[in-house]
């Protein structure tokens, strides 16, 4: 698996497939709906933020209407962020853009 694909989870693939079976509109609209469903599924409940997967920070953290970048502090079991809000969800950082 390439580094870029490490962000794609089983939940994202399932959301894409599920949305694809019900999406309507033009091909572009259907693809957009599937991609939006997959991206929404990337967010994981904050309660799952622990363990080995979290050491490869930083990560995105979010709460209703807010998103920030944070590092996981395993000794404290929490995220450290410049934004002061209580996150409800987290997800890995996406891959950076390609050069060119």
Protein backbone atom coordinates (compact mmCIF):
# COMPACT_ATOMS: atom_id res chain seq x y z
CA UNK A 1 0.00 0.00 0.00
CA UNK A 2 1.42 3.41 -0.91
CA UNK A 3 1.81 6.18 1.66
CA UNK A 4 -0.95 8.15 -0.06
CA UNK A 5 -3.44 5.28 0.26
CA UNK A 6 -2.86 4.77 3.98
CA UNK A 7 -5.51 7.39 4.70
CA UNK A 8 -8.23 5.44 2.91
CA UNK A 9 -10.05 3.31 5.48
CA UNK A 10 -12.45 0.41 5.07
CA UNK A 11 -15.21 2.70 6.40
CA UNK A 12 -14.48 5.20 3.63
CA UNK A 13 -14.63 2.53 0.93
CA UNK A 14 -17.89 1.18 2.35
CA UNK A 15 -19.41 4.68 2.47
CA UNK A 16 -18.38 5.28 -1.15
CA UNK A 17 -19.94 1.99 -2.30
CA UNK A 18 -23.11 2.50 -0.26
CA UNK A 19 -23.61 6.02 -1.56
CA UNK A 20 -22.93 4.81 -5.10
CA UNK A 21 -25.91 2.48 -4.94
CA UNK A 22 -28.31 5.34 -4.12
CA UNK A 23 -26.74 8.46 -5.68
CA UNK A 24 -28.69 10.18 -8.42
CA UNK A 25 -27.96 12.90 -10.96
CA UNK A 26 -25.29 13.29 -13.57
CA UNK A 27 -22.18 11.10 -13.44
CA UNK A 28 -20.23 14.03 -11.92
CA UNK A 29 -22.92 14.58 -9.26
CA UNK A 30 -22.95 10.87 -8.37
CA UNK A 31 -19.16 10.74 -8.09
CA UNK A 32 -19.14 13.91 -5.96
CA UNK A 33 -21.78 12.42 -3.64
CA UNK A 34 -19.72 9.23 -3.26
CA UNK A 35 -16.51 11.15 -2.53
CA UNK A 36 -18.26 13.37 0.02
CA UNK A 37 -19.65 10.28 1.78
CA UNK A 38 -16.19 8.69 1.85
CA UNK A 39 -14.56 11.84 3.26
CA UNK A 40 -17.23 12.14 5.96
CA UNK A 41 -16.57 8.51 6.94
CA UNK A 42 -12.87 9.31 7.48
CA UNK A 43 -13.73 11.12 10.71
CA UNK A 44 -13.51 8.75 13.68
CA UNK A 45 -14.94 9.29 17.18
CA UNK A 46 -12.40 10.89 19.50
CA UNK A 47 -12.74 7.89 21.84
CA UNK A 48 -10.85 5.81 19.27
CA UNK A 49 -7.82 8.14 19.40
CA UNK A 50 -5.23 6.01 21.10
CA UNK A 51 -2.66 3.35 20.44
CA UNK A 52 -0.11 2.71 17.75
CA UNK A 53 -1.97 4.46 14.93
CA UNK A 54 -1.80 7.82 16.67
CA UNK A 55 1.99 8.09 16.89
CA UNK A 56 2.26 9.07 13.22
CA UNK A 57 0.93 12.60 13.81
CA UNK A 58 -0.08 15.26 13.28
CA UNK A 59 -3.78 14.61 12.83
CA UNK A 60 -6.86 16.62 12.07
CA UNK A 61 -9.29 17.08 14.94
CA UNK A 62 -12.80 18.36 14.66
CA UNK A 63 -15.97 19.30 16.42
CA UNK A 64 -19.18 20.63 14.95
CA UNK A 65 -18.14 23.47 12.67
CA UNK A 66 -14.45 23.44 13.67
CA UNK A 67 -11.33 21.70 12.44
CA UNK A 68 -7.77 21.95 13.74
CA UNK A 69 -4.38 20.28 13.52
CA UNK A 70 -3.09 18.48 16.60
CA UNK A 71 -0.40 16.14 17.87
CA UNK A 72 -1.34 13.09 19.94
CA UNK A 73 0.26 13.01 23.40
CA UNK A 74 0.23 9.33 24.39
CA UNK A 75 1.43 9.97 27.96
CA UNK A 76 -1.62 12.17 28.58
CA UNK A 77 -4.04 10.38 26.26
CA UNK A 78 -5.09 13.58 24.49
CA UNK A 79 -4.45 15.88 21.56
CA UNK A 80 -2.34 19.04 21.85
CA UNK A 81 -3.56 21.82 19.58
CA UNK A 82 -3.28 25.57 19.19
CA UNK A 83 -7.08 25.71 18.98
CA UNK A 84 -8.89 25.59 22.28
CA UNK A 85 -11.94 23.42 21.68
CA UNK A 86 -13.00 19.98 22.78
CA UNK A 87 -12.75 17.73 19.71
CA UNK A 88 -15.36 15.06 19.09
CA UNK A 89 -13.65 13.42 16.09
CA UNK A 90 -10.21 12.88 14.55
CA UNK A 91 -8.69 11.68 11.28
CA UNK A 92 -5.18 11.21 9.86
CA UNK A 93 -3.70 14.10 7.92
CA UNK A 94 -4.15 13.73 4.17
CA UNK A 95 -1.11 13.28 1.98
CA UNK A 96 0.54 16.54 0.92
CA UNK A 97 0.12 17.69 -2.68
CA UNK A 98 2.44 16.28 -5.30
CA UNK A 99 5.16 18.54 -6.67
CA UNK A 100 4.48 20.02 -10.07
